[in-house]
Amino acid sequence: MFDSYDDILEVGPGMGMLTKYLLQIPEKKLTAVEADADMVTYLNEHYPQLHGNIVSGDFLKVDLPALTQGRPFAIIGNFPYNISSQILIKALENKEYVPEIVGMFQREVAARIASGPGSKEYGVLSVLMQAFYDVKYLFTVKPGSFNPPPKVFSGVITLKRKKDFLSLGCDAALFRTIVKASFNLRRKMLRNSLKPFLPKDVIETDPFYEKRPEQLSLQEFIFLTNQVEAFRQA
C-alpha cells in the first residue's frame, strides 16, 4: 500500500481521527475534502500541517485530478454512509488516477462491494467495482467503537486497481449499461431484463438467459456485453 502514488485524498475527515495518522505517512501529500464548514475550521485550528490542503466542499463535485495536478492518488476515509456508494462511482469514473481506495462503509455496503456471484449481496456495485479493482473485506467495526455509537455495524474494505484495468475485454460504457439493466429485474431471468438488447429468438432459446443476474460472474457479464455489441453491429 502507498507505493504507487504520492498523494492521498481523505474524504470527510471530520475532527481528524484518521487524519492524524495519515499525516504521519512519510513522503505522502495529504489533501482533506470536507463538506462541513465547522469541521474545516476545526481542522485548520488543530492540524496546521494541513493548511492549504483542505478543500471545503462536496467531494462528489470536486475535480479530483485537478487537486493533484494529474498525479495518481489514493482515496481514503471513514466515508459518509449516505454517499458512500456515490464516492465509489466517482472513484470509478476517475480510475486512471486512483490506484487504491481504502474506506469504512456501513457493513452491508462493504459486504455488497466485496461479495461474489451467488450471494444475495452481489449486485451492480459489486460487478462494476470488481471489474477494475481487486476488493478485499478487511474487518468489521462494532457500533461501540464510536462515541456516540451508530445504530449499524461498519466494515472496512480495500480496493486495489487491477494491472490490466485498461483492458476490460468489452466496451466499458455498454458493460455498465448491461450490468445495470440485468439487475433492474434482479429476481427475474436475464431473458426478461435484456429484452431491449437482444433478438427475441436468442434470449428465448439460449439456456444462458435462464440465469438470474446474481449468478453471473464478471467474465460472463463481459461475454454478455460483447454478445449485445455483436448483435448491434450485425
Protein backbone atom coordinates (compact mmCIF):
# COMPACT_ATOMS: atom_id res chain seq x y z
CA MET A 1 0.00 0.00 0.00
CA PHE A 2 1.08 3.60 -0.72
CA ASP A 3 3.87 2.59 -3.14
CA SER A 4 2.38 3.61 -6.48
CA TYR A 5 1.37 7.18 -5.63
CA ASP A 6 2.46 10.19 -3.58
CA ASP A 7 -0.93 11.81 -2.99
CA ILE A 8 -3.73 10.79 -0.63
CA LEU A 9 -7.21 12.29 -0.64
CA GLU A 10 -9.11 11.85 2.62
CA VAL A 11 -12.88 12.11 2.28
CA GLY A 12 -14.87 13.52 5.19
CA PRO A 13 -12.10 13.81 7.81
CA GLY A 14 -14.42 15.41 10.38
CA MET A 15 -12.39 16.06 13.54
CA GLY A 16 -9.36 14.29 12.14
CA MET A 17 -9.46 10.94 13.93
CA LEU A 18 -7.95 9.27 10.86
CA THR A 19 -6.19 12.38 9.57
CA LYS A 20 -3.62 12.45 12.38
CA TYR A 21 -2.38 9.02 11.32
CA LEU A 22 -2.39 9.77 7.60
CA LEU A 23 -0.22 12.82 8.28
CA GLN A 24 2.42 10.50 9.72
CA ILE A 25 2.90 8.58 6.48
CA PRO A 26 6.30 9.69 5.18
CA GLU A 27 6.68 11.45 1.85
CA LYS A 28 2.95 11.50 1.13
CA LYS A 29 0.93 14.62 0.49
CA LEU A 30 -2.45 14.56 2.23
CA THR A 31 -5.40 16.57 0.96
CA ALA A 32 -8.60 16.56 3.01
CA VAL A 33 -12.00 17.15 1.40
CA GLU A 34 -14.62 18.22 3.95
CA ALA A 35 -18.16 19.48 3.30
CA ASP A 36 -18.89 20.73 6.84
CA ALA A 37 -17.62 24.30 7.28
CA ASP A 38 -17.33 23.90 11.06
CA MET A 39 -15.13 20.83 10.60
CA VAL A 40 -12.96 22.74 8.13
CA THR A 41 -12.41 25.40 10.81
CA TYR A 42 -11.61 22.70 13.36
CA LEU A 43 -9.10 21.01 11.05
CA ASN A 44 -7.34 24.29 10.34
CA GLU A 45 -7.06 25.00 14.05
CA HIS A 46 -5.89 21.57 15.14
CA TYR A 47 -3.86 20.36 12.15
CA PRO A 48 -1.63 23.22 10.96
CA GLN A 49 0.21 20.70 8.72
CA LEU A 50 -2.92 20.67 6.56
CA HIS A 51 -3.01 24.42 5.89
CA GLY A 52 -3.53 24.94 2.18
CA ASN A 53 -4.51 21.31 1.69
CA ILE A 54 -8.08 21.38 2.99
CA VAL A 55 -10.80 21.54 0.36
CA SER A 56 -14.07 22.91 1.71
CA GLY A 57 -16.79 21.38 -0.42
CA ASP A 58 -18.72 18.38 -1.61
CA PHE A 59 -16.39 15.55 -2.64
CA LEU A 60 -18.84 14.47 -5.32
CA LYS A 61 -18.49 17.86 -7.04
CA VAL A 62 -14.72 18.21 -6.79
CA ASP A 63 -12.48 17.93 -9.85
CA LEU A 64 -10.28 15.21 -8.38
CA PRO A 65 -7.37 15.10 -10.89
CA ALA A 66 -7.06 18.89 -10.61
CA LEU A 67 -6.30 18.56 -6.89
CA THR A 68 -3.16 16.55 -7.61
CA GLN A 69 -2.36 18.16 -10.97
CA GLY A 70 -2.94 14.85 -12.72
CA ARG A 71 -0.81 12.74 -10.38
CA PRO A 72 -2.20 9.39 -9.15
CA PHE A 73 -3.83 9.41 -5.72
CA ALA A 74 -5.46 7.13 -3.20
CA ILE A 75 -8.92 7.81 -1.80
CA ILE A 76 -9.17 7.04 1.90
CA GLY A 77 -11.73 7.78 4.58
CA ASN A 78 -14.41 6.92 7.04
CA PHE A 79 -16.88 7.67 4.29
CA PRO A 80 -20.22 9.37 4.99
CA TYR A 81 -22.58 6.42 4.77
CA ASN A 82 -25.29 8.30 2.87
CA ILE A 83 -22.99 8.91 -0.12
CA SER A 84 -20.52 6.03 0.17
CA SER A 85 -21.73 4.28 -3.00
CA GLN A 86 -21.55 7.57 -4.91
CA ILE A 87 -17.99 8.07 -3.69
CA LEU A 88 -17.03 4.74 -5.24
CA ILE A 89 -18.75 5.55 -8.52
CA LYS A 90 -16.86 8.85 -8.69
CA ALA A 91 -13.62 6.99 -8.00
CA LEU A 92 -14.52 4.56 -10.77
CA GLU A 93 -15.06 7.46 -13.16
CA ASN A 94 -11.51 8.60 -12.32
CA LYS A 95 -9.96 5.13 -12.15
CA GLU A 96 -6.99 6.05 -14.32
CA TYR A 97 -5.86 8.30 -11.43
CA VAL A 98 -6.95 6.11 -8.49
CA PRO A 99 -4.81 3.01 -7.89
CA GLU A 100 -6.23 2.36 -4.42
CA ILE A 101 -9.26 3.03 -2.25
CA VAL A 102 -9.47 2.27 1.46
CA GLY A 103 -12.66 3.06 3.27
CA MET A 104 -15.07 2.35 6.06
CA PHE A 105 -18.67 1.79 4.99
CA GLN A 106 -21.86 0.58 6.55
CA ARG A 107 -21.21 -3.15 6.88
CA GLU A 108 -23.93 -4.14 4.40
CA VAL A 109 -22.48 -1.85 1.75
CA ALA A 110 -18.95 -3.11 2.35
CA ALA A 111 -20.17 -6.70 2.06
CA ARG A 112 -22.02 -5.86 -1.16
CA ILE A 113 -18.92 -4.40 -2.79
CA ALA A 114 -16.78 -7.40 -1.84
CA SER A 115 -19.33 -10.16 -2.49
CA GLY A 116 -19.12 -12.61 -5.36
CA PRO A 117 -21.65 -14.35 -7.65
CA GLY A 118 -24.33 -16.40 -5.95
CA SER A 119 -24.63 -14.28 -2.82
CA LYS A 120 -27.67 -12.16 -2.02
CA GLU A 121 -25.44 -9.09 -1.60
CA TYR A 122 -23.94 -9.38 -5.09
CA GLY A 123 -25.19 -6.59 -7.32
CA VAL A 124 -24.39 -3.69 -9.64
CA LEU A 125 -21.77 -2.11 -7.39
CA SER A 126 -20.08 -5.48 -6.84
CA VAL A 127 -19.67 -6.10 -10.58
CA LEU A 128 -18.68 -2.57 -11.56
CA MET A 129 -16.02 -2.21 -8.88
CA GLN A 130 -14.64 -5.74 -9.26
CA ALA A 131 -14.28 -5.22 -12.99
CA PHE A 132 -11.45 -2.78 -12.32
CA TYR A 133 -10.38 -3.35 -8.71
CA ASP A 134 -9.45 -6.30 -6.53
CA VAL A 135 -11.67 -5.94 -3.48
CA LYS A 136 -10.89 -7.28 -0.01
CA TYR A 137 -13.10 -7.08 3.07
CA LEU A 138 -10.69 -6.37 5.94
CA PHE A 139 -12.70 -6.28 9.16
CA THR A 140 -15.96 -5.32 10.88
CA VAL A 141 -16.22 -2.40 13.31
CA LYS A 142 -18.78 -2.62 16.13
CA PRO A 143 -21.00 0.37 16.99
CA GLY A 144 -19.36 0.60 20.43
CA SER A 145 -16.11 1.66 18.78
CA PHE A 146 -17.62 5.11 18.22
CA ASN A 147 -18.86 7.85 20.50
CA PRO A 148 -21.74 8.28 20.15
CA PRO A 149 -22.28 4.75 18.77
CA PRO A 150 -24.16 4.47 15.45
CA LYS A 151 -27.07 2.10 15.02
CA VAL A 152 -25.23 -0.03 12.48
CA PHE A 153 -22.07 -2.10 12.18
CA SER A 154 -19.33 -0.84 9.86
CA GLY A 155 -16.95 -2.63 7.54
CA VAL A 156 -13.52 -1.66 6.22
CA ILE A 157 -12.51 -2.70 2.71
CA THR A 158 -9.63 -2.05 0.38
CA LEU A 159 -9.82 -1.83 -3.39
CA LYS A 160 -6.61 -2.14 -5.39
CA ARG A 161 -6.72 -1.36 -9.07
CA LYS A 162 -6.03 -4.26 -11.39
CA LYS A 163 -2.89 -4.11 -13.50
CA ASP A 164 -4.95 -4.72 -16.65
CA PHE A 165 -7.71 -2.24 -15.76
CA LEU A 166 -7.41 -0.60 -19.17
CA SER A 167 -8.34 -3.83 -20.97
CA LEU A 168 -11.73 -4.87 -19.63
CA GLY A 169 -12.38 -7.02 -22.66
CA CYS A 170 -15.51 -5.21 -23.82
CA ASP A 171 -16.92 -1.73 -24.27
CA ALA A 172 -16.87 -0.22 -20.77
CA ALA A 173 -19.89 2.06 -21.24
CA LEU A 174 -22.03 -0.74 -22.69
CA PHE A 175 -20.81 -3.07 -19.92
CA ARG A 176 -22.11 -0.68 -17.29
CA THR A 177 -25.44 -0.40 -19.12
CA ILE A 178 -25.85 -4.18 -19.37
CA VAL A 179 -24.94 -4.77 -15.72
CA LYS A 180 -27.44 -2.17 -14.53
CA ALA A 181 -30.17 -3.46 -16.84
CA SER A 182 -29.60 -7.04 -15.71
CA PHE A 183 -30.03 -6.18 -12.05
CA ASN A 184 -33.06 -3.96 -12.67
CA LEU A 185 -35.09 -7.17 -12.54
CA ARG A 186 -32.92 -8.96 -10.02
CA ARG A 187 -35.33 -11.80 -9.30
CA LYS A 188 -36.11 -12.40 -12.97
CA MET A 189 -34.21 -14.38 -15.58
CA LEU A 190 -31.95 -12.46 -17.93
CA ARG A 191 -34.35 -13.05 -20.81
CA ASN A 192 -36.75 -10.67 -19.07
CA SER A 193 -34.33 -7.87 -18.25
CA LEU A 194 -32.41 -7.95 -21.53
CA LYS A 195 -35.32 -7.91 -23.98
CA PRO A 196 -34.38 -4.42 -25.25
CA PHE A 197 -30.84 -5.54 -26.11
CA LEU A 198 -31.05 -8.92 -27.85
CA PRO A 199 -33.19 -10.62 -30.53
CA LYS A 200 -36.21 -12.48 -29.23
CA ASP A 201 -35.20 -15.79 -30.77
CA VAL A 202 -31.84 -15.63 -28.99
CA ILE A 203 -33.00 -14.86 -25.47
CA GLU A 204 -35.89 -17.33 -25.67
CA THR A 205 -33.91 -20.30 -26.95
CA ASP A 206 -30.47 -19.99 -25.34
CA PRO A 207 -30.47 -21.54 -21.83
CA PHE A 208 -27.85 -18.98 -20.76
CA TYR A 209 -30.64 -16.41 -20.47
CA GLU A 210 -32.45 -18.55 -17.93
CA LYS A 211 -29.87 -17.40 -15.39
CA ARG A 212 -30.51 -14.61 -12.93
CA PRO A 213 -28.03 -11.73 -12.73
CA GLU A 214 -26.62 -12.69 -9.32
CA GLN A 215 -25.49 -15.99 -10.86
CA LEU A 216 -23.22 -14.36 -13.44
CA SER A 217 -19.50 -13.95 -12.93
CA LEU A 218 -17.60 -10.90 -14.11
CA GLN A 219 -16.41 -12.80 -17.18
CA GLU A 220 -19.98 -13.77 -18.04
CA PHE A 221 -21.05 -10.13 -17.88
CA ILE A 222 -18.18 -9.28 -20.22
CA PHE A 223 -19.28 -12.11 -22.56
CA LEU A 224 -22.85 -10.81 -22.42
CA THR A 225 -21.73 -7.27 -23.26
CA ASN A 226 -19.76 -8.48 -26.26
CA GLN A 227 -22.75 -10.50 -27.45
CA VAL A 228 -25.02 -7.46 -27.26
CA GLU A 229 -22.46 -5.40 -29.17
CA ALA A 230 -22.12 -8.08 -31.84
CA PHE A 231 -25.86 -8.13 -32.47
CA ARG A 232 -25.93 -4.34 -32.62
CA GLN A 233 -23.26 -4.37 -35.32
CA ALA A 234 -24.77 -7.25 -37.31
